[in-house]
Amino acid sequence: MLALQGAFREHKWALERLGVSAPLVLKAVDLAAIDALIIPGGESTTIGRLLNVFGLMAPLLARVAAGLPVFGTCAGMVLLAREIEGSAQPRLGVMDVTVRRNAFGRQVDSFEVDLTVSVLGPPPFRGVFIRAPYITRVGPGVEVLASLAEKIVLVRQGRLLAASFHPELTDDLRLHRYFVANVAGLAIPADR
């Protein structure tokens, strides 16, 4: 769990309810102890700057290049994107997508909506959108998993998963389970 800024505690609680350990990543040395990483929502420019300040950018890029599974939500999606419309902010740039920041409006325009997520099946997944981005372009290796009014809001590229919304703010653990079991290929206790 990248714990520099944002909603990392909520993701940690979701993983712990699945019986999955979620150590916090604050320094480069912490990267050696993890099998997968979640980059939470928050403020993407702040998280990008902090990745550089704390010396995490290069080691994290090396781990991702070596196959580290990563799930980015909201600001995390922005940081994973290769291109960010109208921005040169620091980013990992490892997903072949273009994102538009704050694309659904300001904080006061936040909303919740039921999404059809192909890999989760029914029932719909409740998407919580807070100053959310969406994807305006996907490369050939990117699988679109959910859209909202033709705006792409959930994608997968190999061992990378990115969501415009905040699954950690719901009680539905299916997307966290999908990341751990299907994207990262890690075991979840049978009783979860």
Protein backbone atom coordinates (compact mmCIF):
# COMPACT_ATOMS: atom_id res chain seq x y z
CA MET A 1 0.00 0.00 0.00
CA LEU A 2 1.59 3.28 -1.13
CA ALA A 3 1.07 5.45 1.95
CA LEU A 4 2.45 8.84 0.94
CA GLN A 5 -0.93 10.58 0.70
CA GLY A 6 -4.56 9.77 0.01
CA ALA A 7 -7.02 7.01 0.93
CA PHE A 8 -4.49 4.28 1.70
CA ARG A 9 -6.05 3.35 5.07
CA GLU A 10 -9.36 2.44 3.44
CA HIS A 11 -7.61 0.18 0.91
CA LYS A 12 -5.62 -1.41 3.74
CA TRP A 13 -8.84 -2.20 5.61
CA ALA A 14 -10.41 -3.72 2.49
CA LEU A 15 -7.39 -5.99 1.98
CA GLU A 16 -7.31 -6.97 5.64
CA ARG A 17 -11.00 -7.97 5.45
CA LEU A 18 -9.91 -10.33 2.65
CA GLY A 19 -7.23 -11.73 4.96
CA VAL A 20 -4.42 -10.16 2.90
CA SER A 21 -1.47 -8.43 4.53
CA ALA A 22 -1.09 -4.81 3.43
CA PRO A 23 2.22 -3.33 4.58
CA LEU A 24 2.63 0.41 4.08
CA VAL A 25 5.20 1.65 1.56
CA LEU A 26 6.85 4.91 2.62
CA LYS A 27 10.49 4.33 1.59
CA ALA A 28 12.32 2.56 -1.21
CA VAL A 29 13.40 -0.21 1.16
CA ASP A 30 9.70 -1.03 1.77
CA LEU A 31 9.31 -2.07 -1.89
CA ALA A 32 11.42 -5.18 -1.34
CA ALA A 33 8.85 -6.61 1.10
CA ILE A 34 5.76 -6.45 -1.13
CA ASP A 35 4.23 -8.75 -3.76
CA ALA A 36 1.78 -6.16 -5.15
CA LEU A 37 0.98 -2.48 -4.65
CA ILE A 38 -2.09 -0.25 -4.50
CA ILE A 39 -1.69 3.44 -5.35
CA PRO A 40 -4.69 5.12 -3.71
CA GLY A 41 -6.79 8.09 -4.61
CA GLY A 42 -5.65 11.44 -3.32
CA GLU A 43 -3.92 14.26 -5.19
CA SER A 44 -1.94 12.91 -8.12
CA THR A 45 0.47 15.86 -8.40
CA THR A 46 1.26 15.62 -4.68
CA ILE A 47 1.78 11.85 -4.77
CA GLY A 48 3.97 12.19 -7.89
CA ARG A 49 6.11 14.85 -6.20
CA LEU A 50 6.39 12.76 -3.03
CA LEU A 51 7.49 9.71 -5.05
CA ASN A 52 10.46 11.83 -6.15
CA VAL A 53 11.10 13.48 -2.76
CA PHE A 54 11.19 10.12 -0.96
CA GLY A 55 13.31 8.48 -3.65
CA LEU A 56 10.58 6.01 -4.62
CA MET A 57 10.06 6.83 -8.30
CA ALA A 58 13.05 4.98 -9.82
CA PRO A 59 12.86 1.90 -7.51
CA LEU A 60 9.11 1.63 -8.07
CA LEU A 61 9.54 1.87 -11.84
CA ALA A 62 12.16 -0.89 -11.64
CA ARG A 63 9.80 -3.13 -9.63
CA VAL A 64 6.93 -2.52 -12.08
CA ALA A 65 9.25 -3.31 -15.02
CA ALA A 66 10.13 -6.56 -13.21
CA GLY A 67 6.43 -7.50 -12.99
CA LEU A 68 5.12 -5.97 -9.75
CA PRO A 69 1.29 -5.94 -9.94
CA VAL A 70 -0.14 -2.45 -9.31
CA PHE A 71 -3.70 -1.23 -8.77
CA GLY A 72 -4.21 2.52 -9.11
CA THR A 73 -7.47 4.16 -8.07
CA CYS A 74 -8.43 7.72 -9.03
CA ALA A 75 -5.13 9.61 -8.51
CA GLY A 76 -3.41 6.23 -8.78
CA MET A 77 -4.90 5.82 -12.25
CA VAL A 78 -3.47 9.21 -13.22
CA LEU A 79 -0.02 8.22 -11.94
CA LEU A 80 -0.06 4.96 -13.90
CA ALA A 81 -1.04 6.67 -17.18
CA ARG A 82 1.52 7.20 -19.91
CA GLU A 83 -0.20 10.46 -20.90
CA ILE A 84 -2.14 13.01 -18.86
CA GLU A 85 -4.06 15.55 -20.90
CA GLY A 86 -2.64 19.04 -20.38
CA SER A 87 -0.15 18.01 -17.69
CA ALA A 88 3.55 17.29 -17.39
CA GLN A 89 3.27 16.27 -13.72
CA PRO A 90 5.47 13.47 -12.34
CA ARG A 91 4.01 10.03 -13.07
CA LEU A 92 5.00 6.40 -13.46
CA GLY A 93 3.67 6.36 -17.04
CA VAL A 94 3.54 2.55 -17.24
CA MET A 95 0.02 2.05 -18.66
CA ASP A 96 -0.66 2.68 -22.33
CA VAL A 97 -3.56 5.04 -21.64
CA THR A 98 -4.31 8.76 -21.72
CA VAL A 99 -6.30 10.22 -18.83
CA ARG A 100 -8.17 13.44 -18.24
CA ARG A 101 -7.84 14.64 -14.64
CA ASN A 102 -10.92 15.82 -12.68
CA ALA A 103 -12.92 14.91 -15.77
CA PHE A 104 -16.27 14.47 -14.02
CA GLY A 105 -16.05 17.86 -12.31
CA ARG A 106 -15.07 19.35 -8.99
CA GLN A 107 -15.52 17.99 -5.46
CA VAL A 108 -19.14 19.22 -5.36
CA ASP A 109 -19.84 17.17 -8.51
CA SER A 110 -18.94 13.87 -6.80
CA PHE A 111 -21.43 11.04 -7.30
CA GLU A 112 -22.10 7.33 -6.96
CA VAL A 113 -23.39 5.05 -9.70
CA ASP A 114 -23.83 1.33 -10.38
CA LEU A 115 -21.31 0.01 -12.92
CA THR A 116 -21.34 -3.12 -15.00
CA VAL A 117 -17.87 -4.58 -14.53
CA SER A 118 -17.28 -7.39 -17.02
CA VAL A 119 -14.83 -9.38 -14.88
CA LEU A 120 -16.99 -9.21 -11.74
CA GLY A 121 -20.35 -10.19 -13.18
CA PRO A 122 -23.60 -9.34 -11.42
CA PRO A 123 -24.61 -7.56 -9.31
CA PRO A 124 -23.39 -4.14 -10.48
CA PHE A 125 -20.43 -2.59 -8.66
CA ARG A 126 -21.08 0.72 -6.89
CA GLY A 127 -18.64 3.31 -8.23
CA VAL A 128 -17.79 6.26 -5.98
CA PHE A 129 -16.49 9.12 -8.15
CA ILE A 130 -14.74 12.01 -6.37
CA ARG A 131 -12.98 14.55 -8.64
CA ALA A 132 -12.45 11.50 -10.81
CA PRO A 133 -10.41 11.12 -13.98
CA TYR A 134 -11.43 9.01 -16.93
CA ILE A 135 -9.51 7.46 -19.79
CA THR A 136 -9.72 9.09 -23.20
CA ARG A 137 -7.42 6.68 -25.09
CA VAL A 138 -6.34 3.07 -24.61
CA GLY A 139 -3.47 1.30 -26.32
CA PRO A 140 -3.80 -2.11 -28.00
CA GLY A 141 -2.73 -4.08 -24.91
CA VAL A 142 -5.29 -2.47 -22.61
CA GLU A 143 -8.55 -4.24 -21.74
CA VAL A 144 -11.54 -2.02 -20.93
CA LEU A 145 -13.43 -3.53 -17.97
CA ALA A 146 -16.02 -0.80 -17.32
CA SER A 147 -17.32 2.40 -18.87
CA LEU A 148 -19.77 5.06 -17.81
CA ALA A 149 -21.64 6.88 -20.58
CA GLU A 150 -18.87 5.89 -23.02
CA LYS A 151 -16.17 7.19 -20.65
CA ILE A 152 -13.65 4.48 -19.74
CA VAL A 153 -13.40 4.09 -15.96
CA LEU A 154 -11.73 0.69 -15.34
CA VAL A 155 -8.92 -0.95 -17.31
CA ARG A 156 -6.38 -3.72 -17.10
CA GLN A 157 -3.04 -4.04 -18.85
CA GLY A 158 -1.35 -7.27 -17.84
CA ARG A 159 -0.41 -6.94 -14.17
CA LEU A 160 -1.70 -3.36 -13.96
CA LEU A 161 -5.25 -2.39 -12.99
CA ALA A 162 -6.63 1.16 -12.88
CA ALA A 163 -9.98 2.58 -11.76
CA SER A 164 -11.38 6.12 -11.96
CA PHE A 165 -13.46 5.49 -8.87
CA HIS A 166 -12.88 4.54 -5.21
CA PRO A 167 -13.71 0.85 -4.53
CA GLU A 168 -12.23 1.22 -1.04
CA LEU A 169 -15.17 3.47 -0.06
CA THR A 170 -17.71 0.67 -0.49
CA ASP A 171 -18.30 -2.59 1.39
CA ASP A 172 -18.00 -4.53 -1.89
CA LEU A 173 -14.64 -6.34 -1.86
CA ARG A 174 -14.95 -7.89 -5.33
CA LEU A 175 -12.58 -5.49 -7.10
CA HIS A 176 -9.91 -5.83 -4.41
CA ARG A 177 -10.36 -9.62 -4.59
CA TYR A 178 -10.02 -9.48 -8.39
CA PHE A 179 -6.79 -7.49 -8.11
CA VAL A 180 -5.24 -9.80 -5.52
CA ALA A 181 -6.34 -13.12 -7.04
CA ASN A 182 -6.53 -12.45 -10.79
CA VAL A 183 -4.15 -9.57 -11.52
CA ALA A 184 -1.51 -10.27 -8.87
CA GLY A 185 -2.07 -14.04 -8.75
CA LEU A 186 -1.85 -14.13 -4.94
CA ALA A 187 -3.77 -16.40 -2.61
CA ILE A 188 -6.75 -15.24 -0.56
CA PRO A 189 -7.69 -17.32 2.49
CA ALA A 190 -10.50 -19.76 1.62
CA ASP A 191 -12.80 -18.39 4.35
CA ARG A 192 -12.77 -14.87 2.82
